[in-house]
Amino acid sequence: MSDRPFSSLERVQTLFANDHYIADRALALTVKLAADLQKPILLEGEAGVGKTEVAKVLASALDTPLIRLQCYEGLDASTALYEWNYARQILHIRMAEQDLTARAALESTIFDDRFLLNRPLLAAIRHPGPRPAVLLIDEVDRADEEFEAFLLEVLSDYQITVPEIGTFKATHPPYVVLTSNRTRELNDALKRRCLYLWVDYPTPEKEREIIRQRVPGIDAALADAVTLTMQGLRAVDFYKRPGIAEALDWSRALQGLGVLELSRDVLLETAGVVLKYREDVERLRALDANAILNGKPGQP
């Protein structure tokens, strides 16, 4: 691997293509600039459009570990940073009680690196290399605003202080990818720290190519039909419009069922693969399914 794996936009696109991810120019430019400037990437967009996959492909392209922090409401610093292995510490204390020499040194050894549990953020900071790890902070919009403020400190200097031991500073600052489904607006300060990119639903041409690459052996006509139907489904104001993840799942399901041609019955029978809410499935049944199969929204 070159010391500058992202030396050009074409190089970025090639590396992603090797992992069957079609990176358009905007994404390739964002990845290159993030590497050049050592800045995090913030990817916003609807669920299922491939934001998380960017981090996975990035780690694969660099042949480096992917360290993932899944955000949720109530996520605190200790869960994201580090924790002490209290069970081992207590065992160490009890063993030291039997040895006068060990007892004297107990205070200096109880908070030792061997008892420290590295959680995602500290693990990414302490990654020994030779290449930086990829740190994925997934669905950051689900975490509390207080956690965003804490992230600002970590992402500004790429260092973390453990009071009992000292400060750990990254020798290989990680590539950081944050994703957001925009369930709420993120703090402006966090956004300013990152390179921002909105990830939209793919164009029909791009989605067709994604399906063909990600679902080996799929019939070309079926891939075209799935792409067209997805355009029709996304034109309907469903509670949750299907993304590329659902398109791939549906393609694999249809391929496994031996379906070569889409029909209204096939669409309704397999609706649970692409729609995830009862109200959306019921609405689909009330629409003109044939119009959706032709890439146009139906009418109730």
Protein backbone atom coordinates (compact mmCIF):
# COMPACT_ATOMS: atom_id res chain seq x y z
CA MET A 1 0.00 0.00 0.00
CA SER A 2 1.35 3.43 -0.95
CA ASP A 3 2.13 6.01 1.74
CA ARG A 4 -0.45 8.18 -0.07
CA PRO A 5 -3.30 5.80 -0.85
CA PHE A 6 -5.57 8.72 -1.78
CA SER A 7 -3.17 10.62 -4.00
CA SER A 8 -5.88 11.45 -6.57
CA LEU A 9 -9.64 11.26 -7.04
CA GLU A 10 -9.17 8.48 -9.57
CA ARG A 11 -7.12 6.51 -7.02
CA VAL A 12 -9.89 6.86 -4.43
CA GLN A 13 -12.51 5.71 -6.91
CA THR A 14 -10.38 2.75 -7.94
CA LEU A 15 -9.81 1.64 -4.35
CA PHE A 16 -13.53 1.85 -3.62
CA ALA A 17 -14.41 0.09 -6.89
CA ASN A 18 -12.12 -2.79 -5.89
CA ASP A 19 -14.51 -3.32 -2.99
CA HIS A 20 -17.60 -3.00 -5.22
CA TYR A 21 -18.51 0.48 -3.94
CA ILE A 22 -19.21 3.07 -6.62
CA ALA A 23 -17.79 6.34 -5.33
CA ASP A 24 -18.92 9.40 -7.27
CA ARG A 25 -16.67 12.42 -7.65
CA ALA A 26 -18.13 14.24 -4.62
CA LEU A 27 -17.43 11.32 -2.28
CA ALA A 28 -13.97 10.69 -3.75
CA LEU A 29 -13.08 14.36 -3.30
CA THR A 30 -14.32 14.35 0.30
CA VAL A 31 -12.27 11.23 1.16
CA LYS A 32 -9.14 12.68 -0.43
CA LEU A 33 -9.48 16.03 1.34
CA ALA A 34 -10.18 14.31 4.67
CA ALA A 35 -6.92 12.37 4.28
CA ASP A 36 -4.95 15.44 3.20
CA LEU A 37 -6.30 17.72 5.94
CA GLN A 38 -6.69 15.05 8.64
CA LYS A 39 -10.31 16.02 9.18
CA PRO A 40 -13.31 13.86 10.04
CA ILE A 41 -16.01 13.24 7.44
CA LEU A 42 -19.65 13.85 8.34
CA LEU A 43 -22.03 11.93 6.08
CA GLU A 44 -25.71 12.86 6.34
CA GLY A 45 -28.59 11.30 4.46
CA GLU A 46 -31.57 9.00 4.70
CA ALA A 47 -31.11 5.60 6.31
CA GLY A 48 -29.94 2.90 3.92
CA VAL A 49 -28.16 5.06 1.33
CA GLY A 50 -24.69 3.64 2.04
CA LYS A 51 -23.18 5.99 4.63
CA THR A 52 -21.93 3.29 7.00
CA GLU A 53 -20.61 1.30 4.07
CA VAL A 54 -18.21 4.14 3.23
CA ALA A 55 -16.31 3.54 6.48
CA LYS A 56 -16.29 -0.22 5.94
CA VAL A 57 -14.93 0.11 2.42
CA LEU A 58 -12.41 2.72 3.57
CA ALA A 59 -11.03 0.30 6.17
CA SER A 60 -10.92 -2.51 3.63
CA ALA A 61 -9.17 -0.32 1.05
CA LEU A 62 -6.53 0.69 3.59
CA ASP A 63 -6.23 -2.84 5.02
CA THR A 64 -6.65 -1.40 8.51
CA PRO A 65 -9.06 -2.11 11.39
CA LEU A 66 -12.56 -0.63 11.44
CA ILE A 67 -13.43 0.54 14.96
CA ARG A 68 -17.13 1.26 15.31
CA LEU A 69 -18.96 3.31 17.91
CA GLN A 70 -22.73 2.87 17.59
CA CYS A 71 -24.44 5.90 19.08
CA TYR A 72 -27.68 5.84 21.03
CA GLU A 73 -29.60 8.04 23.44
CA GLY A 74 -27.85 8.12 26.79
CA LEU A 75 -24.41 7.16 25.45
CA ASP A 76 -21.82 8.40 27.91
CA ALA A 77 -18.11 9.07 27.80
CA SER A 78 -17.09 5.95 29.73
CA THR A 79 -18.82 3.67 27.23
CA ALA A 80 -17.15 5.45 24.31
CA LEU A 81 -13.73 6.05 25.90
CA TYR A 82 -12.58 3.50 28.43
CA GLU A 83 -13.58 1.58 31.54
CA TRP A 84 -11.66 -0.04 34.34
CA ASN A 85 -11.85 -3.81 34.67
CA TYR A 86 -13.17 -3.75 38.23
CA ALA A 87 -13.36 -7.54 38.53
CA ARG A 88 -9.65 -7.91 37.75
CA GLN A 89 -8.79 -4.99 40.01
CA ILE A 90 -10.60 -6.60 42.96
CA LEU A 91 -8.87 -9.90 42.28
CA HIS A 92 -5.53 -8.08 42.18
CA ILE A 93 -6.29 -6.41 45.53
CA ARG A 94 -7.17 -9.71 47.18
CA MET A 95 -4.02 -11.36 45.88
CA ALA A 96 -1.93 -8.41 47.07
CA GLU A 97 -3.37 -8.75 50.58
CA GLN A 98 -1.53 -12.05 50.93
CA ASP A 99 1.83 -10.52 50.04
CA LEU A 100 3.32 -7.69 52.12
CA THR A 101 5.58 -6.54 49.28
CA ALA A 102 2.71 -6.46 46.79
CA ARG A 103 0.50 -4.71 49.35
CA ALA A 104 2.97 -1.84 49.62
CA ALA A 105 2.93 -1.32 45.84
CA LEU A 106 -0.82 -1.82 45.53
CA GLU A 107 -1.75 1.84 45.14
CA SER A 108 0.63 2.35 42.22
CA THR A 109 -0.42 -0.84 40.41
CA ILE A 110 -4.18 -0.91 40.81
CA PHE A 111 -4.65 1.68 38.06
CA ASP A 112 -2.37 0.00 35.57
CA ASP A 113 -2.72 -0.26 31.81
CA ARG A 114 -3.43 -3.99 32.11
CA PHE A 115 -6.71 -3.18 33.91
CA LEU A 116 -7.77 -0.59 31.34
CA LEU A 117 -10.51 -1.58 28.88
CA ASN A 118 -10.14 0.40 25.67
CA ARG A 119 -13.52 1.40 24.26
CA PRO A 120 -13.87 2.58 20.62
CA LEU A 121 -12.51 6.14 20.91
CA LEU A 122 -9.48 5.21 23.00
CA ALA A 123 -8.86 2.11 20.87
CA ALA A 124 -8.73 4.28 17.74
CA ILE A 125 -6.39 6.79 19.41
CA ARG A 126 -4.07 4.04 20.66
CA HIS A 127 -4.02 2.01 17.44
CA PRO A 128 -0.32 1.23 16.87
CA GLY A 129 -0.38 1.32 13.08
CA PRO A 130 1.38 1.01 10.73
CA ARG A 131 -1.65 2.67 9.11
CA PRO A 132 -4.33 4.68 10.94
CA ALA A 133 -7.46 2.85 11.97
CA VAL A 134 -10.85 3.89 10.59
CA LEU A 135 -13.12 5.16 13.38
CA LEU A 136 -16.83 4.97 12.51
CA ILE A 137 -19.09 7.04 14.78
CA ASP A 138 -22.41 5.73 13.52
CA GLU A 139 -25.72 7.60 13.82
CA VAL A 140 -24.25 10.39 15.91
CA ASP A 141 -27.60 12.18 15.75
CA ARG A 142 -29.01 9.55 18.14
CA ALA A 143 -26.60 10.58 20.90
CA ASP A 144 -27.21 13.50 23.25
CA GLU A 145 -25.90 17.00 22.60
CA GLU A 146 -23.58 16.64 25.61
CA PHE A 147 -21.87 13.76 23.86
CA GLU A 148 -21.33 15.93 20.78
CA ALA A 149 -19.50 18.48 22.94
CA PHE A 150 -17.31 15.73 24.31
CA LEU A 151 -16.51 14.53 20.76
CA LEU A 152 -15.26 17.99 19.88
CA GLU A 153 -12.46 17.65 22.43
CA VAL A 154 -11.41 14.24 21.16
CA LEU A 155 -11.51 15.18 17.47
CA SER A 156 -9.64 18.45 17.90
CA ASP A 157 -6.35 17.03 19.22
CA TYR A 158 -6.79 13.27 18.79
CA GLN A 159 -5.77 12.70 22.37
CA ILE A 160 -7.49 11.34 25.46
CA THR A 161 -6.52 11.80 29.09
CA VAL A 162 -7.00 9.00 31.60
CA PRO A 163 -6.51 10.78 34.96
CA GLU A 164 -5.01 7.75 36.72
CA ILE A 165 -2.45 7.06 33.98
CA GLY A 166 -1.88 10.10 31.77
CA THR A 167 -2.58 11.35 28.27
CA PHE A 168 -2.69 9.14 25.22
CA LYS A 169 -2.00 11.01 21.96
CA ALA A 170 -2.50 9.33 18.60
CA THR A 171 0.72 8.51 16.79
CA HIS A 172 -1.45 7.61 13.78
CA PRO A 173 -4.57 9.85 13.94
CA PRO A 174 -7.53 7.75 12.75
CA TYR A 175 -9.62 8.36 9.69
CA VAL A 176 -12.94 9.40 11.23
CA VAL A 177 -16.34 8.93 9.60
CA LEU A 178 -19.45 10.22 11.35
CA THR A 179 -22.89 9.33 10.00
CA SER A 180 -26.23 10.97 10.69
CA ASN A 181 -29.76 10.14 9.56
CA ARG A 182 -30.69 13.71 10.51
CA THR A 183 -33.25 12.75 13.11
CA ARG A 184 -32.14 16.03 14.72
CA GLU A 185 -29.80 18.87 13.82
CA LEU A 186 -26.22 18.46 14.95
CA ASN A 187 -24.25 21.11 16.80
CA ASP A 188 -22.71 23.71 14.48
CA ALA A 189 -19.35 23.37 16.22
CA LEU A 190 -19.21 19.66 15.43
CA LYS A 191 -20.16 20.28 11.81
CA ARG A 192 -17.44 22.89 11.43
CA ARG A 193 -14.89 20.37 12.63
CA CYS A 194 -15.80 18.00 9.77
CA LEU A 195 -15.90 17.85 6.01
CA TYR A 196 -19.61 17.60 5.19
CA LEU A 197 -21.30 15.51 2.49
CA TRP A 198 -24.97 14.81 1.92
CA VAL A 199 -25.45 11.26 0.63
CA ASP A 200 -28.55 11.12 -1.53
CA TYR A 201 -30.41 8.22 -3.10
CA PRO A 202 -28.45 6.99 -6.12
CA THR A 203 -29.40 7.82 -9.67
CA PRO A 204 -31.07 4.96 -11.59
CA GLU A 205 -27.87 4.33 -13.55
CA LYS A 206 -25.76 4.19 -10.40
CA GLU A 207 -28.25 2.02 -8.52
CA ARG A 208 -28.43 -0.44 -11.43
CA GLU A 209 -24.64 -0.75 -11.41
CA ILE A 210 -24.56 -1.17 -7.62
CA ILE A 211 -27.09 -4.00 -7.82
CA ARG A 212 -25.15 -5.74 -10.58
CA GLN A 213 -21.89 -5.52 -8.62
CA ARG A 214 -23.30 -6.38 -5.20
CA VAL A 215 -25.60 -9.20 -6.32
CA PRO A 216 -23.43 -11.46 -8.48
CA GLY A 217 -25.25 -13.40 -11.15
CA ILE A 218 -28.43 -11.35 -11.06
CA ASP A 219 -30.33 -11.28 -14.34
CA ALA A 220 -29.77 -7.95 -16.10
CA ALA A 221 -33.48 -7.51 -16.81
CA LEU A 222 -34.33 -8.15 -13.15
CA ALA A 223 -31.73 -5.59 -12.03
CA ASP A 224 -33.32 -3.05 -14.39
CA ALA A 225 -36.80 -3.86 -13.06
CA VAL A 226 -35.72 -3.54 -9.42
CA THR A 227 -34.10 -0.18 -10.18
CA LEU A 228 -37.21 1.10 -11.91
CA THR A 229 -39.48 -0.09 -9.10
CA MET A 230 -37.28 1.55 -6.48
CA GLN A 231 -37.68 4.87 -8.26
CA GLY A 232 -41.43 4.43 -8.12
CA LEU A 233 -41.42 3.48 -4.43
CA ARG A 234 -39.28 6.47 -3.47
CA ALA A 235 -41.68 8.81 -5.24
CA VAL A 236 -44.39 7.79 -2.75
CA ASP A 237 -44.54 9.62 0.57
CA PHE A 238 -43.97 6.55 2.69
CA TYR A 239 -43.07 6.89 6.36
CA LYS A 240 -39.70 5.32 5.48
CA ARG A 241 -38.64 5.29 1.85
CA PRO A 242 -36.47 2.30 0.89
CA GLY A 243 -32.76 2.94 0.38
CA ILE A 244 -30.07 1.13 -1.56
CA ALA A 245 -29.73 -1.37 1.31
CA GLU A 246 -33.35 -2.44 0.77
CA ALA A 247 -32.81 -2.57 -3.00
CA LEU A 248 -29.92 -5.00 -2.51
CA ASP A 249 -31.88 -7.11 -0.01
CA TRP A 250 -34.83 -7.25 -2.39
CA SER A 251 -32.60 -8.18 -5.33
CA ARG A 252 -31.07 -11.06 -3.35
CA ALA A 253 -34.51 -12.19 -2.19
CA LEU A 254 -35.93 -12.17 -5.71
CA GLN A 255 -32.87 -13.98 -7.02
CA GLY A 256 -33.23 -16.62 -4.29
CA LEU A 257 -36.91 -17.10 -5.16
CA GLY A 258 -36.04 -17.58 -8.81
CA VAL A 259 -38.06 -14.53 -9.88
CA LEU A 260 -37.13 -13.30 -13.36
CA GLU A 261 -39.97 -10.85 -13.92
CA LEU A 262 -41.61 -8.46 -11.48
CA SER A 263 -45.37 -8.31 -11.12
CA ARG A 264 -47.91 -6.78 -8.79
CA ASP A 265 -48.24 -10.04 -6.85
CA VAL A 266 -44.48 -10.40 -6.43
CA LEU A 267 -44.19 -6.80 -5.24
CA LEU A 268 -46.94 -7.21 -2.64
CA GLU A 269 -45.76 -10.61 -1.44
CA THR A 270 -42.21 -9.37 -0.83
CA ALA A 271 -43.15 -5.88 0.38
CA GLY A 272 -41.72 -6.63 3.82
CA VAL A 273 -38.23 -6.68 2.35
CA VAL A 274 -38.37 -3.06 1.20
CA LEU A 275 -40.94 -1.46 3.52
CA LYS A 276 -40.55 -1.62 7.29
CA TYR A 277 -43.78 -0.17 8.63
CA ARG A 278 -47.26 -1.68 8.61
CA GLU A 279 -48.77 1.61 7.46
CA ASP A 280 -46.40 1.72 4.47
CA VAL A 281 -47.26 -1.85 3.44
CA GLU A 282 -50.98 -1.09 3.72
CA ARG A 283 -50.56 2.06 1.67
CA LEU A 284 -48.69 0.12 -1.01
CA ARG A 285 -51.66 -2.25 -1.31
CA ALA A 286 -53.93 0.73 -1.93
CA LEU A 287 -51.72 2.18 -4.68
CA ASP A 288 -51.48 1.39 -8.36
CA ALA A 289 -48.73 -1.23 -8.14
CA ASN A 290 -48.29 -1.36 -11.91
CA ALA A 291 -47.51 2.35 -11.98
CA ILE A 292 -44.85 1.80 -9.29
CA LEU A 293 -43.34 -1.08 -11.26
CA ASN A 294 -42.99 1.39 -14.13
CA GLY A 295 -41.11 3.86 -11.93
CA LYS A 296 -44.05 6.16 -11.27
CA PRO A 297 -45.95 6.76 -8.02
CA GLY A 298 -49.36 5.12 -7.86
CA GLN A 299 -52.48 6.80 -6.61
CA PRO A 300 -54.66 5.49 -3.76
